[in-house]
Amino acid sequence: MDSSVNPGGALAAVDIGSNSFRLEIGAMPQGRYRRIDYLKETVRLGAGLDANGMLSEEAAQRGLVCLRRFSARLAGFAPGQVRAVATQTLREARNRNAFLLRAQEALGFPIEVISGREEARMIYAGVAHLQPSDEPRLVVDIGGRSTELILGQGATPRVTESFGVGCVSLSLRFFEDGRLSEAAFRAAQVAAGAEFEEALHTFAPTHWRQALGSSGTAGAVSQVLREAGLTDGRITPAALRWCIEHCLEAGHVDRIDLPSLRPDRRAVLPGGLAILYTLAAHFQIDALWPAKGALRQGVIVDLHERLRALHGTPAADVREQTVTELQRRFAVARPQAGRVARVALVLFDAAMPDAEAETRRELAWACALHEMGLMVSHHDHHRHSAYLLAHVDAPGFSQSQQRRVGELVLGQRGGLRKVEPQLASETFAWQVLCLRLAVIKCHARGEVDASALALRSRGRDAAIGFAAHWAEANPRTLFLLREEAAAWTRSGPLRLVLPP
């Protein structure tokens, strides 16, 4: 991420959803949100996922065509001004990596696949920023293949959860041929209820005073009800029954004729209505109000906070808070983590002075969490640490970034073959080398002089320097450094060179 980007300038979010792709361009001067532009296309990416979890070429092409159009609008934007996130369909797709390579080329910017809870967190960030309130609230976001529920108060999400049911997936399963019947609606509601049942206590009405619906389904239904004169835009159980009755009278999705309903929304409306009615019944939602914010605004809010962190407000980046919380949860020895981080960053700054700020931060996070696996077992704790990092909920981190930090942690000790594919990246190779050298230097778990070791990059050679008197005073560390040089000689892309 480029620290020269102005946090208050134009920022862009690309939301690669299961039903629609959205591009939001906004700015946050003095922290207040202002929309600059908004583009939306119905892509139905989620409809292209087959029973084996493979994304069809037809659906992939629809997505690529849309992303190329978005790319044209983003011409002139720096990488630090844009964040693209993908949700449930690409969380599920077995061939997502192949699609992501093509999608990133079409868009011209990296694309991050985010977890369901991370999606929920950013949905709430968008709602809380555009529609602030101190009341405890339930936020509901029905997407194409997932539904997110969030409990929060003020700007803080208290509970975030994602459920694997959405308007596209439910419509495809129970209304695949487009025919609408009472039996199909009942079956769809039972299926949706089975997904939400485990959350009945967690999201019970005793925990919130106001319910808000963000994004497409809630917005579309709210507008229908307002245009029909049934409500002032709020979604009520009685109004939902009216919508379902209207669908049943139509008999087929192609004949649904509701006020202000766009034609491209008809095919997924039955699934959306089934989810809304199930939520209203299960969680006793008497009125679901349309929310002003959604995921795309939350992404911009989050990007704004990251940029603020680069400009001297570290606490603004939720990832810093997440790392601190993970250290607490897994009883990480923070003094040791701090020593390793200080040494690793001194070495990395000397070897790669022009590295991106985000690359340096990933190394710092790996240092902070490299021993979290000790809570599981001292034996092979680096493997336990890497596993935990790959699977733990980590607010603020995309799945890909979480995986990169986990791979660094995996490579902190032992042979290099386990991270051999990642070592093809020169940046990763230098990151993991600096982490390994820092772990060696701090192996006695006492105070160290972070500047005692020097590291210089000479092409593929990593030249270690230290004073003769330091080597004489630290024979065990010198032995480990020689062992490390041998390990890189056997299977590393860099050559670790020690003084003669």
Protein backbone atom coordinates (compact mmCIF):
# COMPACT_ATOMS: atom_id res chain seq x y z
CA MET A 1 0.00 0.00 0.00
CA ASP A 2 1.34 3.40 -1.02
CA SER A 3 1.80 5.76 1.94
CA SER A 4 1.73 8.72 -0.47
CA VAL A 5 -2.01 8.20 -1.11
CA ASN A 6 -4.14 10.83 0.61
CA PRO A 7 -6.60 9.15 3.03
CA GLY A 8 -9.10 11.93 2.37
CA GLY A 9 -8.89 11.68 -1.43
CA ALA A 10 -10.80 9.51 -3.88
CA LEU A 11 -10.92 5.82 -2.93
CA ALA A 12 -12.56 2.94 -4.78
CA ALA A 13 -14.14 -0.34 -3.68
CA VAL A 14 -14.94 -3.24 -6.01
CA ASP A 15 -17.45 -5.69 -4.55
CA ILE A 16 -17.37 -8.98 -6.48
CA GLY A 17 -20.61 -10.46 -5.21
CA SER A 18 -22.46 -13.63 -6.06
CA ASN A 19 -25.31 -11.79 -7.78
CA SER A 20 -23.95 -8.34 -8.64
CA PHE A 21 -20.58 -6.68 -9.12
CA ARG A 22 -20.38 -3.14 -7.76
CA LEU A 23 -17.86 -0.32 -8.07
CA GLU A 24 -18.12 2.46 -5.52
CA ILE A 25 -15.90 5.53 -5.66
CA GLY A 26 -16.01 7.77 -2.64
CA ALA A 27 -13.99 10.10 -0.48
CA MET A 28 -13.78 10.69 3.26
CA PRO A 29 -12.55 14.25 3.82
CA GLN A 30 -12.42 14.84 7.58
CA GLY A 31 -13.84 11.34 8.01
CA ARG A 32 -17.23 12.13 6.40
CA TYR A 33 -18.33 9.88 3.55
CA ARG A 34 -19.03 11.41 0.13
CA ARG A 35 -19.98 9.36 -2.91
CA ILE A 36 -18.28 10.27 -6.19
CA ASP A 37 -19.54 7.51 -8.50
CA TYR A 38 -21.32 4.17 -8.40
CA LEU A 39 -21.56 1.41 -11.00
CA LYS A 40 -23.45 -1.87 -10.67
CA GLU A 41 -23.91 -4.83 -12.99
CA THR A 42 -25.92 -8.00 -12.47
CA VAL A 43 -23.40 -10.75 -13.23
CA ARG A 44 -24.92 -13.80 -11.47
CA LEU A 45 -21.51 -15.27 -10.78
CA GLY A 46 -23.04 -17.51 -8.13
CA ALA A 47 -25.41 -19.07 -10.66
CA GLY A 48 -22.36 -20.44 -12.49
CA LEU A 49 -21.22 -22.63 -9.60
CA ASP A 50 -21.98 -26.29 -10.32
CA ALA A 51 -22.60 -29.17 -7.90
CA ASN A 52 -18.86 -29.89 -7.76
CA GLY A 53 -18.01 -26.33 -6.78
CA MET A 54 -16.57 -25.41 -10.18
CA LEU A 55 -17.22 -21.98 -11.66
CA SER A 56 -18.44 -22.26 -15.24
CA GLU A 57 -16.62 -20.55 -18.09
CA GLU A 58 -19.82 -18.74 -19.07
CA ALA A 59 -20.16 -17.18 -15.61
CA ALA A 60 -16.45 -16.40 -15.53
CA GLN A 61 -16.72 -14.55 -18.84
CA ARG A 62 -19.65 -12.46 -17.56
CA GLY A 63 -17.50 -11.45 -14.60
CA LEU A 64 -14.44 -10.64 -16.71
CA VAL A 65 -16.43 -8.44 -19.10
CA CYS A 66 -17.79 -6.48 -16.14
CA LEU A 67 -14.37 -6.10 -14.52
CA ARG A 68 -12.92 -4.73 -17.76
CA ARG A 69 -15.60 -2.04 -17.73
CA PHE A 70 -14.76 -1.24 -14.12
CA SER A 71 -11.08 -1.09 -15.08
CA ALA A 72 -11.80 1.63 -17.63
CA ARG A 73 -13.47 3.73 -14.92
CA LEU A 74 -10.52 3.18 -12.57
CA ALA A 75 -7.94 4.43 -15.08
CA GLY A 76 -5.54 6.73 -13.27
CA PHE A 77 -6.17 5.27 -9.82
CA ALA A 78 -3.08 4.21 -7.87
CA PRO A 79 -3.02 0.71 -6.31
CA GLY A 80 -3.33 2.21 -2.84
CA GLN A 81 -6.60 3.91 -3.80
CA VAL A 82 -8.43 0.71 -4.78
CA ARG A 83 -9.49 -2.37 -2.86
CA ALA A 84 -11.34 -5.23 -4.55
CA VAL A 85 -12.99 -7.96 -2.48
CA ALA A 86 -14.72 -11.19 -3.47
CA THR A 87 -17.32 -12.97 -1.35
CA GLN A 88 -19.18 -16.28 -1.06
CA THR A 89 -19.02 -17.62 -4.63
CA LEU A 90 -15.25 -17.34 -4.72
CA ARG A 91 -15.01 -18.64 -1.17
CA GLU A 92 -16.70 -21.79 -2.47
CA ALA A 93 -15.30 -22.13 -6.00
CA ARG A 94 -12.68 -24.86 -6.27
CA ASN A 95 -11.19 -23.21 -9.35
CA ARG A 96 -11.15 -19.73 -7.84
CA ASN A 97 -7.39 -19.24 -8.18
CA ALA A 98 -7.54 -19.71 -11.95
CA PHE A 99 -10.42 -17.23 -12.16
CA LEU A 100 -8.70 -14.73 -9.86
CA LEU A 101 -5.62 -14.60 -12.10
CA ARG A 102 -7.79 -13.66 -15.07
CA ALA A 103 -9.98 -11.34 -13.01
CA GLN A 104 -7.01 -9.41 -11.62
CA GLU A 105 -5.65 -8.96 -15.13
CA ALA A 106 -9.04 -7.70 -16.32
CA LEU A 107 -9.48 -5.29 -13.42
CA GLY A 108 -5.86 -4.20 -13.17
CA PHE A 109 -5.81 -4.44 -9.36
CA PRO A 110 -5.38 -7.27 -6.83
CA ILE A 111 -8.54 -9.06 -5.67
CA GLU A 112 -8.87 -10.37 -2.13
CA VAL A 113 -11.21 -13.20 -1.15
CA ILE A 114 -12.57 -12.31 2.29
CA SER A 115 -14.11 -14.62 4.88
CA GLY A 116 -17.80 -14.47 5.75
CA ARG A 117 -17.15 -12.83 9.11
CA GLU A 118 -14.80 -10.31 7.54
CA GLU A 119 -17.52 -9.52 5.02
CA ALA A 120 -19.96 -9.05 7.90
CA ARG A 121 -17.55 -6.76 9.75
CA MET A 122 -17.14 -4.48 6.73
CA ILE A 123 -20.89 -4.47 6.02
CA TYR A 124 -21.39 -3.15 9.52
CA ALA A 125 -18.61 -0.57 9.03
CA GLY A 126 -20.46 0.77 6.00
CA VAL A 127 -23.82 0.89 7.77
CA ALA A 128 -22.41 2.40 10.97
CA HIS A 129 -20.58 5.14 9.09
CA LEU A 130 -23.42 6.16 6.78
CA GLN A 131 -26.19 5.66 9.34
CA PRO A 132 -24.67 6.29 12.79
CA SER A 133 -26.61 5.42 15.94
CA ASP A 134 -25.86 4.55 19.56
CA GLU A 135 -28.72 2.04 19.70
CA PRO A 136 -27.90 -1.69 19.71
CA ARG A 137 -28.74 -2.87 16.20
CA LEU A 138 -29.15 -5.99 14.11
CA VAL A 139 -27.89 -5.61 10.54
CA VAL A 140 -29.01 -8.15 7.92
CA ASP A 141 -27.37 -8.46 4.51
CA ILE A 142 -28.81 -11.00 2.08
CA GLY A 143 -26.38 -11.65 -0.74
CA GLY A 144 -26.43 -14.07 -3.64
CA ARG A 145 -24.99 -17.09 -1.82
CA SER A 146 -24.65 -15.97 1.79
CA THR A 147 -26.48 -13.96 4.41
CA GLU A 148 -24.63 -11.95 7.03
CA LEU A 149 -26.03 -11.06 10.45
CA ILE A 150 -24.30 -8.52 12.66
CA LEU A 151 -25.03 -7.24 16.15
CA GLY A 152 -23.41 -3.91 16.87
CA GLN A 153 -23.63 -0.65 18.73
CA GLY A 154 -22.21 2.63 17.56
CA ALA A 155 -19.21 1.91 15.33
CA THR A 156 -18.43 -1.42 17.01
CA PRO A 157 -19.65 -4.79 15.66
CA ARG A 158 -20.20 -7.07 18.65
CA VAL A 159 -21.12 -10.32 16.89
CA THR A 160 -20.58 -11.10 13.20
CA GLU A 161 -21.74 -14.23 11.44
CA SER A 162 -22.16 -15.48 7.88
CA PHE A 163 -24.60 -18.19 6.76
CA GLY A 164 -24.32 -20.16 3.53
CA VAL A 165 -27.70 -19.28 2.08
CA GLY A 166 -28.53 -16.43 -0.29
CA CYS A 167 -31.13 -15.26 -2.78
CA VAL A 168 -29.36 -16.82 -5.78
CA SER A 169 -28.57 -20.20 -4.23
CA LEU A 170 -32.03 -20.58 -2.68
CA SER A 171 -33.80 -19.51 -5.88
CA LEU A 172 -31.76 -21.93 -7.98
CA ARG A 173 -32.47 -24.79 -5.59
CA PHE A 174 -36.21 -24.36 -5.01
CA PHE A 175 -37.39 -22.25 -7.98
CA GLU A 176 -34.97 -23.50 -10.64
CA ASP A 177 -37.60 -23.80 -13.36
CA GLY A 178 -39.08 -20.41 -12.47
CA ARG A 179 -42.37 -21.86 -11.24
CA LEU A 180 -43.69 -20.42 -7.99
CA SER A 181 -45.78 -22.55 -5.63
CA GLU A 182 -46.69 -22.62 -1.94
CA ALA A 183 -44.81 -25.90 -1.54
CA ALA A 184 -41.65 -24.39 -3.03
CA PHE A 185 -41.84 -21.36 -0.74
CA ARG A 186 -42.38 -23.58 2.31
CA ALA A 187 -39.41 -25.79 1.35
CA ALA A 188 -37.22 -22.74 0.80
CA GLN A 189 -38.19 -21.32 4.19
CA VAL A 190 -37.43 -24.62 5.93
CA ALA A 191 -34.00 -24.75 4.27
CA ALA A 192 -33.27 -21.15 5.26
CA GLY A 193 -34.50 -21.82 8.79
CA ALA A 194 -32.15 -24.77 9.11
CA GLU A 195 -29.22 -22.44 8.36
CA PHE A 196 -30.27 -19.79 10.87
CA GLU A 197 -31.48 -22.07 13.67
CA GLU A 198 -28.11 -22.24 15.43
CA ALA A 199 -28.13 -18.45 15.78
CA LEU A 200 -31.57 -18.05 17.38
CA HIS A 201 -30.17 -17.26 20.82
CA THR A 202 -27.19 -15.23 19.63
CA PHE A 203 -29.32 -12.81 17.55
CA ALA A 204 -32.45 -12.90 19.70
CA PRO A 205 -34.45 -9.61 19.88
CA THR A 206 -33.28 -9.05 23.47
CA HIS A 207 -29.88 -8.10 22.00
CA TRP A 208 -31.04 -5.29 19.68
CA ARG A 209 -33.56 -2.48 19.39
CA GLN A 210 -33.50 -1.77 15.67
CA ALA A 211 -33.13 -4.07 12.66
CA LEU A 212 -31.62 -2.82 9.39
CA GLY A 213 -31.41 -4.54 6.02
CA SER A 214 -28.48 -3.63 3.76
CA SER A 215 -27.70 -4.36 0.12
CA GLY A 216 -29.77 -5.64 -2.82
CA THR A 217 -32.57 -7.87 -1.55
CA ALA A 218 -33.64 -5.69 1.36
CA GLY A 219 -33.32 -2.53 -0.74
CA ALA A 220 -35.35 -3.95 -3.63
CA VAL A 221 -38.16 -5.24 -1.40
CA SER A 222 -38.23 -2.00 0.60
CA GLN A 223 -38.63 0.01 -2.61
CA VAL A 224 -41.43 -2.28 -3.84
CA LEU A 225 -43.35 -1.81 -0.60
CA ARG A 226 -42.92 1.96 -0.71
CA GLU A 227 -44.00 2.20 -4.34
CA ALA A 228 -47.01 -0.05 -3.67
CA GLY A 229 -48.06 2.16 -0.77
CA LEU A 230 -48.00 -0.74 1.70
CA THR A 231 -45.37 0.75 4.03
CA ASP A 232 -43.04 3.69 4.29
CA GLY A 233 -40.21 1.42 3.21
CA ARG A 234 -39.99 -0.75 6.28
CA ILE A 235 -40.23 -4.50 5.68
CA THR A 236 -42.83 -6.18 7.88
CA PRO A 237 -44.08 -9.78 8.10
CA ALA A 238 -47.48 -8.71 6.70
CA ALA A 239 -45.85 -6.89 3.79
CA LEU A 240 -43.67 -9.93 3.03
CA ARG A 241 -46.76 -12.16 2.94
CA TRP A 242 -48.28 -9.71 0.44
CA CYS A 243 -45.16 -10.00 -1.76
CA ILE A 244 -45.21 -13.81 -1.59
CA GLU A 245 -48.94 -13.90 -2.44
CA HIS A 246 -48.26 -11.66 -5.41
CA CYS A 247 -45.55 -14.06 -6.59
CA LEU A 248 -47.89 -17.04 -6.19
CA GLU A 249 -50.54 -15.28 -8.26
CA ALA A 250 -47.93 -14.68 -10.98
CA GLY A 251 -47.07 -18.38 -10.98
CA HIS A 252 -43.70 -17.85 -12.70
CA VAL A 253 -40.77 -15.51 -12.11
CA ASP A 254 -41.09 -14.07 -15.61
CA ARG A 255 -44.61 -12.85 -14.79
CA ILE A 256 -43.80 -11.17 -11.48
CA ASP A 257 -45.00 -7.58 -11.79
CA LEU A 258 -44.26 -5.62 -8.63
CA PRO A 259 -43.87 -1.83 -8.56
CA SER A 260 -40.29 -0.66 -9.25
CA LEU A 261 -38.92 -4.24 -9.36
CA ARG A 262 -36.20 -4.44 -12.00
CA PRO A 263 -36.45 -7.34 -14.48
CA ASP A 264 -33.00 -8.65 -13.48
CA ARG A 265 -34.20 -9.02 -9.87
CA ARG A 266 -37.20 -11.28 -10.68
CA ALA A 267 -35.30 -14.57 -10.88
CA VAL A 268 -33.76 -14.19 -7.41
CA LEU A 269 -36.69 -12.48 -5.66
CA PRO A 270 -38.40 -15.72 -4.46
CA GLY A 271 -35.27 -16.89 -2.65
CA GLY A 272 -34.79 -13.44 -1.16
CA LEU A 273 -38.39 -13.28 0.06
CA ALA A 274 -38.10 -16.75 1.61
CA ILE A 275 -34.99 -15.66 3.54
CA LEU A 276 -36.55 -12.37 4.67
CA TYR A 277 -39.73 -14.06 5.87
CA THR A 278 -37.74 -16.75 7.69
CA LEU A 279 -35.60 -14.12 9.42
CA ALA A 280 -38.66 -12.11 10.41
CA ALA A 281 -40.33 -15.19 11.91
CA HIS A 282 -37.28 -16.72 13.60
CA PHE A 283 -35.83 -13.52 15.06
CA GLN A 284 -39.14 -11.73 15.69
CA ILE A 285 -38.32 -8.83 13.41
CA ASP A 286 -41.45 -6.67 13.31
CA ALA A 287 -39.82 -4.07 11.07
CA LEU A 288 -36.65 -4.25 8.99
CA TRP A 289 -35.57 -0.80 7.90
CA PRO A 290 -33.49 -0.25 4.74
CA ALA A 291 -29.89 0.64 5.59
CA LYS A 292 -27.92 3.36 3.83
CA GLY A 293 -24.55 1.59 3.92
CA ALA A 294 -23.35 -1.79 2.66
CA LEU A 295 -20.19 -3.78 2.01
CA ARG A 296 -18.81 -1.44 -0.67
CA GLN A 297 -18.90 1.59 1.64
CA GLY A 298 -17.42 -0.51 4.43
CA VAL A 299 -14.50 -1.42 2.18
CA ILE A 300 -13.82 2.27 1.55
CA VAL A 301 -14.09 3.06 5.27
CA ASP A 302 -11.64 0.24 5.99
CA LEU A 303 -9.24 1.40 3.25
CA HIS A 304 -9.41 4.94 4.64
CA GLU A 305 -8.46 3.63 8.10
CA ARG A 306 -5.53 1.65 6.67
CA LEU A 307 -4.23 4.76 4.94
CA ARG A 308 -4.57 6.75 8.15
CA ALA A 309 -2.49 4.08 9.87
CA LEU A 310 0.27 4.55 7.29
CA HIS A 311 0.15 8.28 8.03
CA GLY A 312 0.82 7.81 11.74
CA THR A 313 -2.39 6.50 13.34
CA PRO A 314 -1.61 2.75 13.79
CA ALA A 315 -4.66 2.08 15.97
CA ALA A 316 -6.86 3.06 13.02
CA ASP A 317 -6.02 -0.20 11.20
CA VAL A 318 -8.18 -2.95 12.64
CA ARG A 319 -5.49 -5.49 11.72
CA GLU A 320 -3.23 -4.10 14.44
CA GLN A 321 -6.00 -4.62 16.97
CA THR A 322 -6.55 -8.14 15.63
CA VAL A 323 -2.88 -9.09 16.06
CA THR A 324 -2.90 -7.77 19.63
CA GLU A 325 -6.05 -9.75 20.39
CA LEU A 326 -4.59 -12.94 18.89
CA GLN A 327 -1.49 -12.51 21.03
CA ARG A 328 -3.73 -12.28 24.08
CA ARG A 329 -5.96 -15.19 23.09
CA PHE A 330 -3.06 -17.56 22.39
CA ALA A 331 -0.92 -16.38 25.31
CA VAL A 332 1.95 -15.25 23.08
CA ALA A 333 5.05 -14.12 24.99
CA ARG A 334 4.94 -10.53 23.82
CA PRO A 335 8.45 -9.52 24.99
CA GLN A 336 9.95 -12.31 22.86
CA ALA A 337 7.71 -11.45 19.90
CA GLY A 338 8.81 -7.82 20.23
CA ARG A 339 12.49 -8.75 20.25
CA VAL A 340 12.12 -10.91 17.15
CA ALA A 341 10.19 -8.13 15.37
CA ARG A 342 12.81 -5.49 16.14
CA VAL A 343 15.66 -7.64 14.80
CA ALA A 344 13.73 -8.86 11.74
CA LEU A 345 12.66 -5.36 10.71
CA VAL A 346 16.17 -3.91 11.09
CA LEU A 347 17.48 -6.68 8.83
CA PHE A 348 14.63 -6.32 6.32
CA ASP A 349 14.95 -2.53 6.09
CA ALA A 350 18.66 -2.88 5.34
CA ALA A 351 18.17 -5.62 2.72
CA MET A 352 15.02 -4.20 1.06
CA PRO A 353 14.91 -0.45 1.70
CA ASP A 354 12.41 0.10 -1.13
CA ALA A 355 9.93 -2.59 -0.07
CA GLU A 356 6.24 -1.67 0.10
CA ALA A 357 4.93 -0.69 3.52
CA GLU A 358 2.41 -3.54 3.44
CA THR A 359 5.19 -6.09 2.88
CA ARG A 360 7.03 -4.78 5.94
CA ARG A 361 3.85 -4.93 8.02
CA GLU A 362 3.21 -8.54 7.03
CA LEU A 363 6.67 -9.44 8.33
CA ALA A 364 5.95 -7.54 11.57
CA TRP A 365 2.67 -9.45 12.03
CA ALA A 366 4.44 -12.77 11.38
CA CYS A 367 6.95 -11.89 14.08
CA ALA A 368 4.19 -10.92 16.49
CA LEU A 369 2.38 -14.25 16.02
CA HIS A 370 5.17 -16.69 15.20
CA GLU A 371 4.86 -18.45 18.57
CA MET A 372 1.07 -18.63 18.91
CA GLY A 373 1.25 -22.39 18.24
CA LEU A 374 3.06 -22.92 21.54
CA MET A 375 -0.37 -22.99 23.16
CA VAL A 376 -0.99 -26.24 21.25
CA SER A 377 2.41 -27.89 21.63
CA HIS A 378 6.07 -26.96 21.89
CA HIS A 379 6.89 -29.66 19.34
CA ASP A 380 6.53 -28.30 15.79
CA HIS A 381 4.96 -25.14 17.18
CA HIS A 382 5.70 -23.32 13.91
CA ARG A 383 3.35 -25.72 12.11
CA HIS A 384 0.65 -25.20 14.73
CA SER A 385 1.12 -21.43 14.46
CA ALA A 386 0.75 -21.56 10.68
CA TYR A 387 -2.37 -23.73 10.90
CA LEU A 388 -4.00 -21.42 13.43
CA LEU A 389 -3.20 -18.37 11.31
CA ALA A 390 -4.74 -20.01 8.26
CA HIS A 391 -8.00 -20.83 10.03
CA VAL A 392 -8.60 -18.34 12.85
CA ASP A 393 -11.05 -15.45 12.42
CA ALA A 394 -8.83 -12.39 11.92
CA PRO A 395 -10.83 -9.18 11.40
CA GLY A 396 -9.28 -6.88 8.82
CA PHE A 397 -7.31 -9.60 7.03
CA SER A 398 -8.30 -11.08 3.70
CA GLN A 399 -7.95 -14.83 3.32
CA SER A 400 -4.99 -14.37 0.98
CA GLN A 401 -3.10 -12.03 3.32
CA GLN A 402 -3.82 -14.25 6.30
CA ARG A 403 -2.40 -17.17 4.32
CA ARG A 404 0.75 -15.20 3.40
CA VAL A 405 1.44 -14.35 7.04
CA GLY A 406 0.83 -17.99 7.96
CA GLU A 407 3.31 -19.14 5.30
CA LEU A 408 5.96 -16.80 6.73
CA VAL A 409 5.35 -18.24 10.17
CA LEU A 410 5.59 -21.79 8.79
CA GLY A 411 9.00 -20.95 7.33
CA GLN A 412 10.46 -19.53 10.57
CA ARG A 413 12.51 -22.67 11.31
CA GLY A 414 13.47 -26.09 9.96
CA GLY A 415 13.90 -27.02 6.30
CA LEU A 416 12.85 -24.71 3.51
CA ARG A 417 11.13 -27.25 1.29
CA LYS A 418 7.80 -26.78 3.09
CA VAL A 419 7.64 -23.20 1.74
CA GLU A 420 9.42 -23.90 -1.55
CA PRO A 421 6.55 -22.69 -3.80
CA GLN A 422 6.38 -19.38 -1.90
CA LEU A 423 10.15 -18.88 -2.14
CA ALA A 424 9.71 -18.29 -5.87
CA SER A 425 8.74 -14.77 -4.77
CA GLU A 426 11.91 -12.80 -4.05
CA THR A 427 10.06 -10.63 -1.55
CA PHE A 428 8.84 -13.67 0.38
CA ALA A 429 12.36 -15.15 0.36
CA TRP A 430 13.80 -12.02 1.99
CA GLN A 431 10.90 -11.81 4.46
CA VAL A 432 11.31 -15.39 5.62
CA LEU A 433 15.11 -15.09 5.76
CA CYS A 434 14.86 -12.05 8.04
CA LEU A 435 12.34 -13.82 10.26
CA ARG A 436 14.54 -16.91 10.54
CA LEU A 437 17.64 -14.84 11.32
CA ALA A 438 15.73 -12.90 13.99
CA VAL A 439 14.47 -16.12 15.60
CA ILE A 440 18.08 -17.42 15.69
CA LYS A 441 19.45 -14.21 17.17
CA CYS A 442 16.75 -14.17 19.85
CA HIS A 443 16.87 -17.91 20.60
CA ALA A 444 18.11 -17.35 24.17
CA ARG A 445 14.94 -15.30 24.85
CA GLY A 446 16.87 -12.47 26.50
CA GLU A 447 17.54 -8.87 25.59
CA VAL A 448 19.50 -8.45 22.36
CA ASP A 449 21.20 -5.69 20.42
CA ALA A 450 19.05 -5.42 17.28
CA SER A 451 21.92 -3.81 15.38
CA ALA A 452 24.54 -6.48 16.17
CA LEU A 453 23.76 -8.26 12.90
CA ALA A 454 23.87 -6.46 9.57
CA LEU A 455 22.32 -7.73 6.33
CA ARG A 456 23.07 -6.57 2.82
CA SER A 457 21.50 -7.64 -0.46
CA ARG A 458 23.94 -8.34 -3.29
CA GLY A 459 21.73 -9.81 -5.99
CA ARG A 460 20.84 -13.30 -4.77
CA ASP A 461 23.49 -13.14 -2.05
CA ALA A 462 22.42 -12.20 1.47
CA ALA A 463 25.57 -11.03 3.20
CA ILE A 464 25.54 -11.19 7.00
CA GLY A 465 27.94 -8.93 8.88
CA PHE A 466 28.90 -8.85 12.56
CA ALA A 467 31.84 -7.78 14.70
CA ALA A 468 34.49 -10.33 15.65
CA HIS A 469 34.01 -9.67 19.36
CA TRP A 470 30.26 -10.33 19.01
CA ALA A 471 30.97 -13.73 17.38
CA GLU A 472 33.37 -14.61 20.20
CA ALA A 473 30.77 -13.70 22.80
CA ASN A 474 27.95 -15.61 21.07
CA PRO A 475 29.36 -18.95 19.86
CA ARG A 476 26.00 -20.74 19.98
CA THR A 477 24.32 -18.09 17.85
CA LEU A 478 27.23 -18.25 15.41
CA PHE A 479 26.80 -22.04 15.19
CA LEU A 480 23.07 -21.60 14.38
CA LEU A 481 23.89 -18.99 11.73
CA ARG A 482 26.25 -21.42 10.02
CA GLU A 483 23.54 -24.09 10.12
CA GLU A 484 21.17 -21.57 8.57
CA ALA A 485 23.61 -20.79 5.77
CA ALA A 486 23.82 -24.52 5.02
CA ALA A 487 20.01 -24.77 4.88
CA TRP A 488 19.81 -22.00 2.26
CA THR A 489 22.62 -23.61 0.29
CA ARG A 490 20.66 -26.89 0.15
CA SER A 491 17.28 -25.56 -0.98
CA GLY A 492 16.96 -21.79 -0.85
CA PRO A 493 16.83 -19.29 -3.71
CA LEU A 494 19.14 -16.95 -1.76
CA ARG A 495 22.71 -17.65 -0.67
CA LEU A 496 23.41 -16.68 2.93
CA VAL A 497 27.02 -15.51 3.14
CA LEU A 498 28.78 -15.25 6.52
CA PRO A 499 32.13 -13.52 7.19
CA PRO A 500 35.12 -15.87 6.84
